[in-house]
Amino acid sequence: MTQRKRRPRRRAGNKEQSHRLIGWLVSYQNDEMGESHEIRSGRTLISSKNGLDGKVIELHEQSIAAPHSAMNASPQHQLVLQDIFSPSGTFLQRSADKDESKVNGPIEVHHGDWIRIGEQTKFQVCLIDAPHRM
């Protein structure tokens, strides 16, 4: 009987971890059926232009700067949002709150929270449970 060679078990490396699906930003503002943008681990810029290095969510609204905001998602499914000195700001509304507050520094965002970019563009954050929770 011939024994099959076992391949060494691959550990999740940086490349695999940098593309892990974390969740989505969802909006019904421009499309009643909904519009979504994937959130993957690593840094993602929110901008009015796509000519920037790295992952970019391109939004077309006059009040959105290039770049406007940055999100950093960890492979452990934590999401941090930061405004990048944009003129019209980035705002966060917690799922349990009625009021939104301006993002002045890095802030952790949770499932169900709402993010407003610029004057009008609003997204709900939909995060997937981290694999260790399943």
Protein backbone atom coordinates (compact mmCIF):
# COMPACT_ATOMS: atom_id res chain seq x y z
CA MET A 1 0.00 0.00 0.00
CA THR A 2 1.36 3.36 -1.01
CA GLN A 3 1.22 6.06 1.56
CA ARG A 4 0.11 9.47 0.45
CA LYS A 5 2.34 12.30 1.40
CA ARG A 6 0.62 14.70 3.70
CA ARG A 7 0.93 18.29 2.75
CA PRO A 8 1.84 20.55 5.64
CA ARG A 9 -1.17 22.37 6.95
CA ARG A 10 -1.22 25.95 5.75
CA ARG A 11 -1.61 28.62 8.33
CA ALA A 12 -3.51 31.71 7.45
CA GLY A 13 -0.81 34.10 6.37
CA ASN A 14 -0.83 37.84 5.94
CA LYS A 15 -2.07 37.62 2.36
CA GLU A 16 -5.08 35.50 3.28
CA GLN A 17 -5.85 37.55 6.37
CA SER A 18 -5.64 40.81 4.42
CA HIS A 19 -8.57 39.77 2.22
CA ARG A 20 -10.91 38.29 4.86
CA LEU A 21 -14.51 39.44 4.39
CA ILE A 22 -15.54 41.36 7.51
CA GLY A 23 -18.90 42.79 6.41
CA TRP A 24 -20.56 45.45 4.28
CA LEU A 25 -21.52 49.10 4.20
CA VAL A 26 -25.17 49.18 3.06
CA SER A 27 -27.16 52.14 1.73
CA TYR A 28 -30.67 52.53 0.32
CA GLN A 29 -30.11 56.19 -0.51
CA ASN A 30 -29.56 55.90 -4.29
CA ASP A 31 -31.17 52.50 -4.92
CA GLU A 32 -34.28 51.24 -3.15
CA MET A 33 -33.04 47.67 -3.68
CA GLY A 34 -29.92 48.53 -1.71
CA GLU A 35 -26.31 49.16 -2.55
CA SER A 36 -23.40 47.58 -0.71
CA HIS A 37 -19.64 47.87 -0.46
CA GLU A 38 -17.56 45.01 0.93
CA ILE A 39 -15.46 45.56 4.01
CA ARG A 40 -12.38 43.33 3.93
CA SER A 41 -9.60 43.18 6.49
CA GLY A 42 -6.93 45.80 6.06
CA ARG A 43 -7.17 49.50 5.28
CA THR A 44 -9.87 50.89 2.99
CA LEU A 45 -10.18 54.52 1.96
CA ILE A 46 -13.49 56.26 1.30
CA SER A 47 -12.93 58.86 -1.38
CA SER A 48 -14.41 60.80 -4.28
CA LYS A 49 -11.57 59.49 -6.50
CA ASN A 50 -10.30 55.98 -7.11
CA GLY A 51 -6.77 56.88 -8.22
CA LEU A 52 -5.42 56.21 -4.73
CA ASP A 53 -3.25 53.27 -3.71
CA GLY A 54 -4.95 50.36 -1.97
CA LYS A 55 -8.60 49.51 -1.47
CA VAL A 56 -10.96 52.41 -2.17
CA ILE A 57 -14.72 52.86 -1.90
CA GLU A 58 -15.44 55.55 -4.46
CA LEU A 59 -18.45 57.78 -3.73
CA HIS A 60 -19.76 60.49 -6.01
CA GLU A 61 -21.04 63.36 -3.92
CA GLN A 62 -19.81 66.94 -4.05
CA SER A 63 -19.10 67.11 -0.30
CA ILE A 64 -16.82 64.04 -0.30
CA ALA A 65 -13.07 64.72 -0.39
CA ALA A 66 -10.27 62.68 -1.92
CA PRO A 67 -9.48 60.95 0.38
CA HIS A 68 -12.25 61.53 2.93
CA SER A 69 -12.19 58.72 5.53
CA ALA A 70 -10.29 55.54 6.29
CA MET A 71 -11.48 52.25 7.72
CA ASN A 72 -9.18 49.64 9.19
CA ALA A 73 -10.69 46.18 9.63
CA SER A 74 -8.84 43.49 11.55
CA PRO A 75 -9.01 39.76 10.78
CA GLN A 76 -10.72 39.48 14.20
CA HIS A 77 -13.62 41.51 12.74
CA GLN A 78 -12.99 44.80 14.53
CA LEU A 79 -13.62 47.90 12.45
CA VAL A 80 -12.06 51.31 13.16
CA LEU A 81 -13.16 54.45 11.31
CA GLN A 82 -11.23 57.72 11.03
CA ASP A 83 -11.89 60.99 9.21
CA ILE A 84 -8.91 62.21 7.19
CA PHE A 85 -9.26 65.97 7.81
CA SER A 86 -12.16 66.21 5.35
CA PRO A 87 -13.90 69.59 5.09
CA SER A 88 -17.44 68.19 5.50
CA GLY A 89 -16.63 65.52 8.07
CA THR A 90 -17.44 61.92 8.91
CA PHE A 91 -20.18 61.13 11.43
CA LEU A 92 -21.16 58.08 13.48
CA GLN A 93 -24.58 57.19 14.86
CA ARG A 94 -24.62 54.23 17.23
CA SER A 95 -27.42 51.74 16.54
CA ALA A 96 -29.09 52.49 19.90
CA ASP A 97 -28.78 56.30 19.63
CA LYS A 98 -30.82 58.92 17.79
CA ASP A 99 -27.99 61.44 17.55
CA GLU A 100 -24.85 61.27 15.47
CA SER A 101 -21.45 62.56 16.50
CA LYS A 102 -18.52 63.81 14.48
CA VAL A 103 -15.60 61.41 14.13
CA ASN A 104 -12.59 63.33 15.48
CA GLY A 105 -10.14 60.45 15.80
CA PRO A 106 -10.02 56.69 15.37
CA ILE A 107 -13.23 55.12 16.69
CA GLU A 108 -14.41 51.52 16.74
CA VAL A 109 -17.58 50.90 14.75
CA HIS A 110 -20.03 48.09 15.56
CA HIS A 111 -22.65 46.07 13.70
CA GLY A 112 -25.80 48.16 13.22
CA ASP A 113 -24.08 51.55 13.55
CA TRP A 114 -24.65 54.21 10.89
CA ILE A 115 -21.87 56.19 9.17
CA ARG A 116 -22.45 59.46 7.34
CA ILE A 117 -19.76 60.54 4.89
CA GLY A 118 -19.95 64.20 3.90
CA GLU A 119 -23.32 65.91 3.82
CA GLN A 120 -25.60 63.13 2.55
CA THR A 121 -24.08 59.69 2.02
CA LYS A 122 -25.20 57.37 4.81
CA PHE A 123 -24.39 53.67 5.34
CA GLN A 124 -25.38 51.07 7.88
CA VAL A 125 -22.52 48.85 9.04
CA CYS A 126 -23.22 45.12 8.72
CA LEU A 127 -20.43 43.04 10.29
CA ILE A 128 -20.11 39.27 10.19
CA ASP A 129 -19.36 37.46 13.45
CA ALA A 130 -15.70 36.54 13.70
CA PRO A 131 -14.97 32.85 12.97
CA HIS A 132 -13.99 32.17 16.60
CA ARG A 133 -17.54 33.06 17.68
CA MET A 134 -19.20 30.44 15.49
